[in-house]
Protein backbone atom coordinates (compact mmCIF):
# COMPACT_ATOMS: atom_id res chain seq x y z
CA UNK A 1 0.00 0.00 0.00
CA UNK A 2 1.04 3.56 -0.63
CA UNK A 3 1.75 5.81 2.34
CA UNK A 4 0.59 8.90 0.45
CA UNK A 5 -2.42 10.74 1.83
CA UNK A 6 -5.46 10.68 -0.45
CA UNK A 7 -6.20 14.29 -1.41
CA UNK A 8 -9.77 15.47 -1.79
CA UNK A 9 -10.94 16.14 -5.31
CA UNK A 10 -11.11 19.76 -6.43
CA UNK A 11 -12.76 20.59 -9.77
CA UNK A 12 -13.60 23.91 -11.42
CA UNK A 13 -16.05 24.58 -14.27
CA UNK A 14 -16.44 28.09 -15.69
CA UNK A 15 -19.21 28.78 -18.18
CA UNK A 16 -19.00 31.93 -20.34
CA UNK A 17 -17.03 33.70 -17.57
CA UNK A 18 -20.35 34.29 -15.79
CA UNK A 19 -21.01 31.03 -13.92
CA UNK A 20 -18.51 28.99 -11.88
CA UNK A 21 -19.01 25.64 -10.17
CA UNK A 22 -16.33 24.36 -7.79
CA UNK A 23 -16.02 21.18 -5.75
CA UNK A 24 -13.67 20.40 -2.87
CA UNK A 25 -14.25 23.73 -1.09
CA UNK A 26 -13.82 23.51 2.68
CA UNK A 27 -14.71 27.09 3.65
CA UNK A 28 -15.39 30.57 2.27
CA UNK A 29 -13.38 32.97 4.41
CA UNK A 30 -14.40 36.27 2.81
CA UNK A 31 -16.44 37.60 -0.05
CA UNK A 32 -17.73 40.77 -1.64
CA UNK A 33 -18.86 41.68 -5.15
CA UNK A 34 -15.23 41.92 -6.40
CA UNK A 35 -13.47 38.97 -4.69
CA UNK A 36 -14.28 35.64 -3.06
CA UNK A 37 -11.63 33.83 -1.00
CA UNK A 38 -12.19 30.13 -0.33
CA UNK A 39 -10.15 27.22 1.05
CA UNK A 40 -9.51 23.83 -0.53
CA UNK A 41 -7.68 21.00 1.21
CA UNK A 42 -4.42 22.15 -0.40
CA UNK A 43 -4.58 25.95 -0.57
CA UNK A 44 -6.61 29.13 -0.70
CA UNK A 45 -8.22 30.26 -3.93
CA UNK A 46 -9.19 33.80 -4.86
CA UNK A 47 -11.92 34.43 -7.44
CA UNK A 48 -11.82 37.99 -8.79
CA UNK A 49 -14.43 39.73 -10.89
CA UNK A 50 -17.37 42.10 -10.91
CA UNK A 51 -20.83 41.70 -9.41
CA UNK A 52 -19.85 38.33 -7.91
CA UNK A 53 -22.54 36.54 -5.95
CA UNK A 54 -22.41 33.22 -4.15
CA UNK A 55 -25.43 31.33 -5.43
CA UNK A 56 -24.76 28.31 -3.23
CA UNK A 57 -22.15 27.06 -0.77
CA UNK A 58 -22.49 23.68 0.89
CA UNK A 59 -19.67 22.88 3.33
CA UNK A 60 -20.86 19.27 3.67
CA UNK A 61 -20.52 18.49 -0.05
CA UNK A 62 -17.80 21.08 -0.77
CA UNK A 63 -19.86 22.66 -3.55
CA UNK A 64 -19.51 26.38 -4.35
CA UNK A 65 -21.48 28.07 -7.15
CA UNK A 66 -20.66 31.67 -8.12
CA UNK A 67 -22.38 33.98 -10.60
CA UNK A 68 -21.11 37.31 -11.95
CA UNK A 69 -18.38 38.47 -14.33
CA UNK A 70 -15.30 36.34 -13.56
CA UNK A 71 -11.96 38.02 -14.37
CA UNK A 72 -9.58 35.49 -12.85
CA UNK A 73 -8.84 32.81 -10.32
CA UNK A 74 -5.62 32.46 -8.31
CA UNK A 75 -4.30 29.80 -5.93
CA UNK A 76 -2.20 30.63 -2.84
CA UNK A 77 -0.36 28.47 -0.33
CA UNK A 78 -1.71 30.74 2.40
CA UNK A 79 -4.77 32.96 2.47
CA UNK A 80 -4.04 36.17 0.53
CA UNK A 81 -3.79 39.42 2.44
CA UNK A 82 -6.63 41.88 1.98
CA UNK A 83 -5.61 44.82 -0.15
CA UNK A 84 -4.79 47.81 2.03
CA UNK A 85 -6.51 51.06 1.25
CA UNK A 86 -4.45 54.20 0.97
CA UNK A 87 -4.91 56.67 3.81
CA UNK A 88 -3.44 60.10 4.47
CA UNK A 89 -3.93 59.63 8.22
CA UNK A 90 -1.52 56.79 8.95
C-alpha atoms as a PDB file:
ATOM      1  CA  UNK A   1       0.000   0.000   0.000  1.00  0.00           C
ATOM      2  CA  UNK A   2       1.044   3.556  -0.628  1.00  0.00           C
ATOM      3  CA  UNK A   3       1.751   5.806   2.340  1.00  0.00           C
ATOM      4  CA  UNK A   4       0.592   8.905   0.445  1.00  0.00           C
ATOM      5  CA  UNK A   5      -2.421  10.736   1.833  1.00  0.00           C
ATOM      6  CA  UNK A   6      -5.459  10.685  -0.452  1.00  0.00           C
ATOM      7  CA  UNK A   7      -6.202  14.295  -1.409  1.00  0.00           C
ATOM      8  CA  UNK A   8      -9.770  15.471  -1.789  1.00  0.00           C
ATOM      9  CA  UNK A   9     -10.938  16.138  -5.306  1.00  0.00           C
ATOM     10  CA  UNK A  10     -11.112  19.765  -6.431  1.00  0.00           C
ATOM     11  CA  UNK A  11     -12.763  20.586  -9.766  1.00  0.00           C
ATOM     12  CA  UNK A  12     -13.599  23.908 -11.423  1.00  0.00           C
ATOM     13  CA  UNK A  13     -16.051  24.576 -14.274  1.00  0.00           C
ATOM     14  CA  UNK A  14     -16.438  28.087 -15.687  1.00  0.00           C
ATOM     15  CA  UNK A  15     -19.209  28.784 -18.180  1.00  0.00           C
ATOM     16  CA  UNK A  16     -19.004  31.933 -20.339  1.00  0.00           C
ATOM     17  CA  UNK A  17     -17.027  33.703 -17.570  1.00  0.00           C
ATOM     18  CA  UNK A  18     -20.352  34.289 -15.788  1.00  0.00           C
ATOM     19  CA  UNK A  19     -21.008  31.034 -13.919  1.00  0.00           C
ATOM     20  CA  UNK A  20     -18.507  28.992 -11.880  1.00  0.00           C
ATOM     21  CA  UNK A  21     -19.011  25.642 -10.169  1.00  0.00           C
ATOM     22  CA  UNK A  22     -16.334  24.362  -7.787  1.00  0.00           C
ATOM     23  CA  UNK A  23     -16.021  21.181  -5.750  1.00  0.00           C
ATOM     24  CA  UNK A  24     -13.672  20.405  -2.870  1.00  0.00           C
ATOM     25  CA  UNK A  25     -14.255  23.734  -1.090  1.00  0.00           C
ATOM     26  CA  UNK A  26     -13.819  23.506   2.681  1.00  0.00           C
ATOM     27  CA  UNK A  27     -14.707  27.090   3.645  1.00  0.00           C
ATOM     28  CA  UNK A  28     -15.389  30.565   2.269  1.00  0.00           C
ATOM     29  CA  UNK A  29     -13.377  32.971   4.409  1.00  0.00           C
ATOM     30  CA  UNK A  30     -14.400  36.273   2.810  1.00  0.00           C
ATOM     31  CA  UNK A  31     -16.443  37.600  -0.054  1.00  0.00           C
ATOM     32  CA  UNK A  32     -17.726  40.770  -1.641  1.00  0.00           C
ATOM     33  CA  UNK A  33     -18.857  41.683  -5.153  1.00  0.00           C
ATOM     34  CA  UNK A  34     -15.232  41.917  -6.403  1.00  0.00           C
ATOM     35  CA  UNK A  35     -13.474  38.967  -4.695  1.00  0.00           C
ATOM     36  CA  UNK A  36     -14.281  35.641  -3.060  1.00  0.00           C
ATOM     37  CA  UNK A  37     -11.634  33.826  -1.000  1.00  0.00           C
ATOM     38  CA  UNK A  38     -12.188  30.128  -0.331  1.00  0.00           C
ATOM     39  CA  UNK A  39     -10.155  27.222   1.048  1.00  0.00           C
ATOM     40  CA  UNK A  40      -9.513  23.827  -0.534  1.00  0.00           C
ATOM     41  CA  UNK A  41      -7.681  20.999   1.208  1.00  0.00           C
ATOM     42  CA  UNK A  42      -4.418  22.153  -0.403  1.00  0.00           C
ATOM     43  CA  UNK A  43      -4.575  25.948  -0.575  1.00  0.00           C
ATOM     44  CA  UNK A  44      -6.609  29.127  -0.698  1.00  0.00           C
ATOM     45  CA  UNK A  45      -8.224  30.259  -3.928  1.00  0.00           C
ATOM     46  CA  UNK A  46      -9.185  33.803  -4.863  1.00  0.00           C
ATOM     47  CA  UNK A  47     -11.917  34.431  -7.436  1.00  0.00           C
ATOM     48  CA  UNK A  48     -11.816  37.986  -8.788  1.00  0.00           C
ATOM     49  CA  UNK A  49     -14.426  39.727 -10.886  1.00  0.00           C
ATOM     50  CA  UNK A  50     -17.366  42.103 -10.914  1.00  0.00           C
ATOM     51  CA  UNK A  51     -20.833  41.700  -9.408  1.00  0.00           C
ATOM     52  CA  UNK A  52     -19.849  38.335  -7.906  1.00  0.00           C
ATOM     53  CA  UNK A  53     -22.544  36.542  -5.948  1.00  0.00           C
ATOM     54  CA  UNK A  54     -22.411  33.221  -4.153  1.00  0.00           C
ATOM     55  CA  UNK A  55     -25.431  31.334  -5.427  1.00  0.00           C
ATOM     56  CA  UNK A  56     -24.762  28.310  -3.232  1.00  0.00           C
ATOM     57  CA  UNK A  57     -22.152  27.056  -0.774  1.00  0.00           C
ATOM     58  CA  UNK A  58     -22.489  23.677   0.895  1.00  0.00           C
ATOM     59  CA  UNK A  59     -19.669  22.878   3.334  1.00  0.00           C
ATOM     60  CA  UNK A  60     -20.860  19.274   3.669  1.00  0.00           C
ATOM     61  CA  UNK A  61     -20.517  18.488  -0.047  1.00  0.00           C
ATOM     62  CA  UNK A  62     -17.797  21.079  -0.770  1.00  0.00           C
ATOM     63  CA  UNK A  63     -19.860  22.664  -3.545  1.00  0.00           C
ATOM     64  CA  UNK A  64     -19.511  26.381  -4.354  1.00  0.00           C
ATOM     65  CA  UNK A  65     -21.480  28.074  -7.147  1.00  0.00           C
ATOM     66  CA  UNK A  66     -20.659  31.668  -8.119  1.00  0.00           C
ATOM     67  CA  UNK A  67     -22.383  33.978 -10.603  1.00  0.00           C
ATOM     68  CA  UNK A  68     -21.113  37.310 -11.953  1.00  0.00           C
ATOM     69  CA  UNK A  69     -18.377  38.465 -14.335  1.00  0.00           C
ATOM     70  CA  UNK A  70     -15.303  36.338 -13.558  1.00  0.00           C
ATOM     71  CA  UNK A  71     -11.963  38.021 -14.366  1.00  0.00           C
ATOM     72  CA  UNK A  72      -9.579  35.491 -12.848  1.00  0.00           C
ATOM     73  CA  UNK A  73      -8.838  32.809 -10.315  1.00  0.00           C
ATOM     74  CA  UNK A  74      -5.615  32.459  -8.312  1.00  0.00           C
ATOM     75  CA  UNK A  75      -4.304  29.798  -5.928  1.00  0.00           C
ATOM     76  CA  UNK A  76      -2.200  30.632  -2.836  1.00  0.00           C
ATOM     77  CA  UNK A  77      -0.361  28.466  -0.335  1.00  0.00           C
ATOM     78  CA  UNK A  78      -1.708  30.739   2.405  1.00  0.00           C
ATOM     79  CA  UNK A  79      -4.769  32.963   2.467  1.00  0.00           C
ATOM     80  CA  UNK A  80      -4.042  36.174   0.532  1.00  0.00           C
ATOM     81  CA  UNK A  81      -3.791  39.422   2.442  1.00  0.00           C
ATOM     82  CA  UNK A  82      -6.631  41.876   1.984  1.00  0.00           C
ATOM     83  CA  UNK A  83      -5.615  44.819  -0.150  1.00  0.00           C
ATOM     84  CA  UNK A  84      -4.793  47.808   2.028  1.00  0.00           C
ATOM     85  CA  UNK A  85      -6.509  51.063   1.253  1.00  0.00           C
ATOM     86  CA  UNK A  86      -4.454  54.204   0.968  1.00  0.00           C
ATOM     87  CA  UNK A  87      -4.910  56.673   3.806  1.00  0.00           C
ATOM     88  CA  UNK A  88      -3.439  60.098   4.471  1.00  0.00           C
ATOM     89  CA  UNK A  89      -3.935  59.633   8.221  1.00  0.00           C
ATOM     90  CA  UNK A  90      -1.518  56.789   8.947  1.00  0.00           C
END
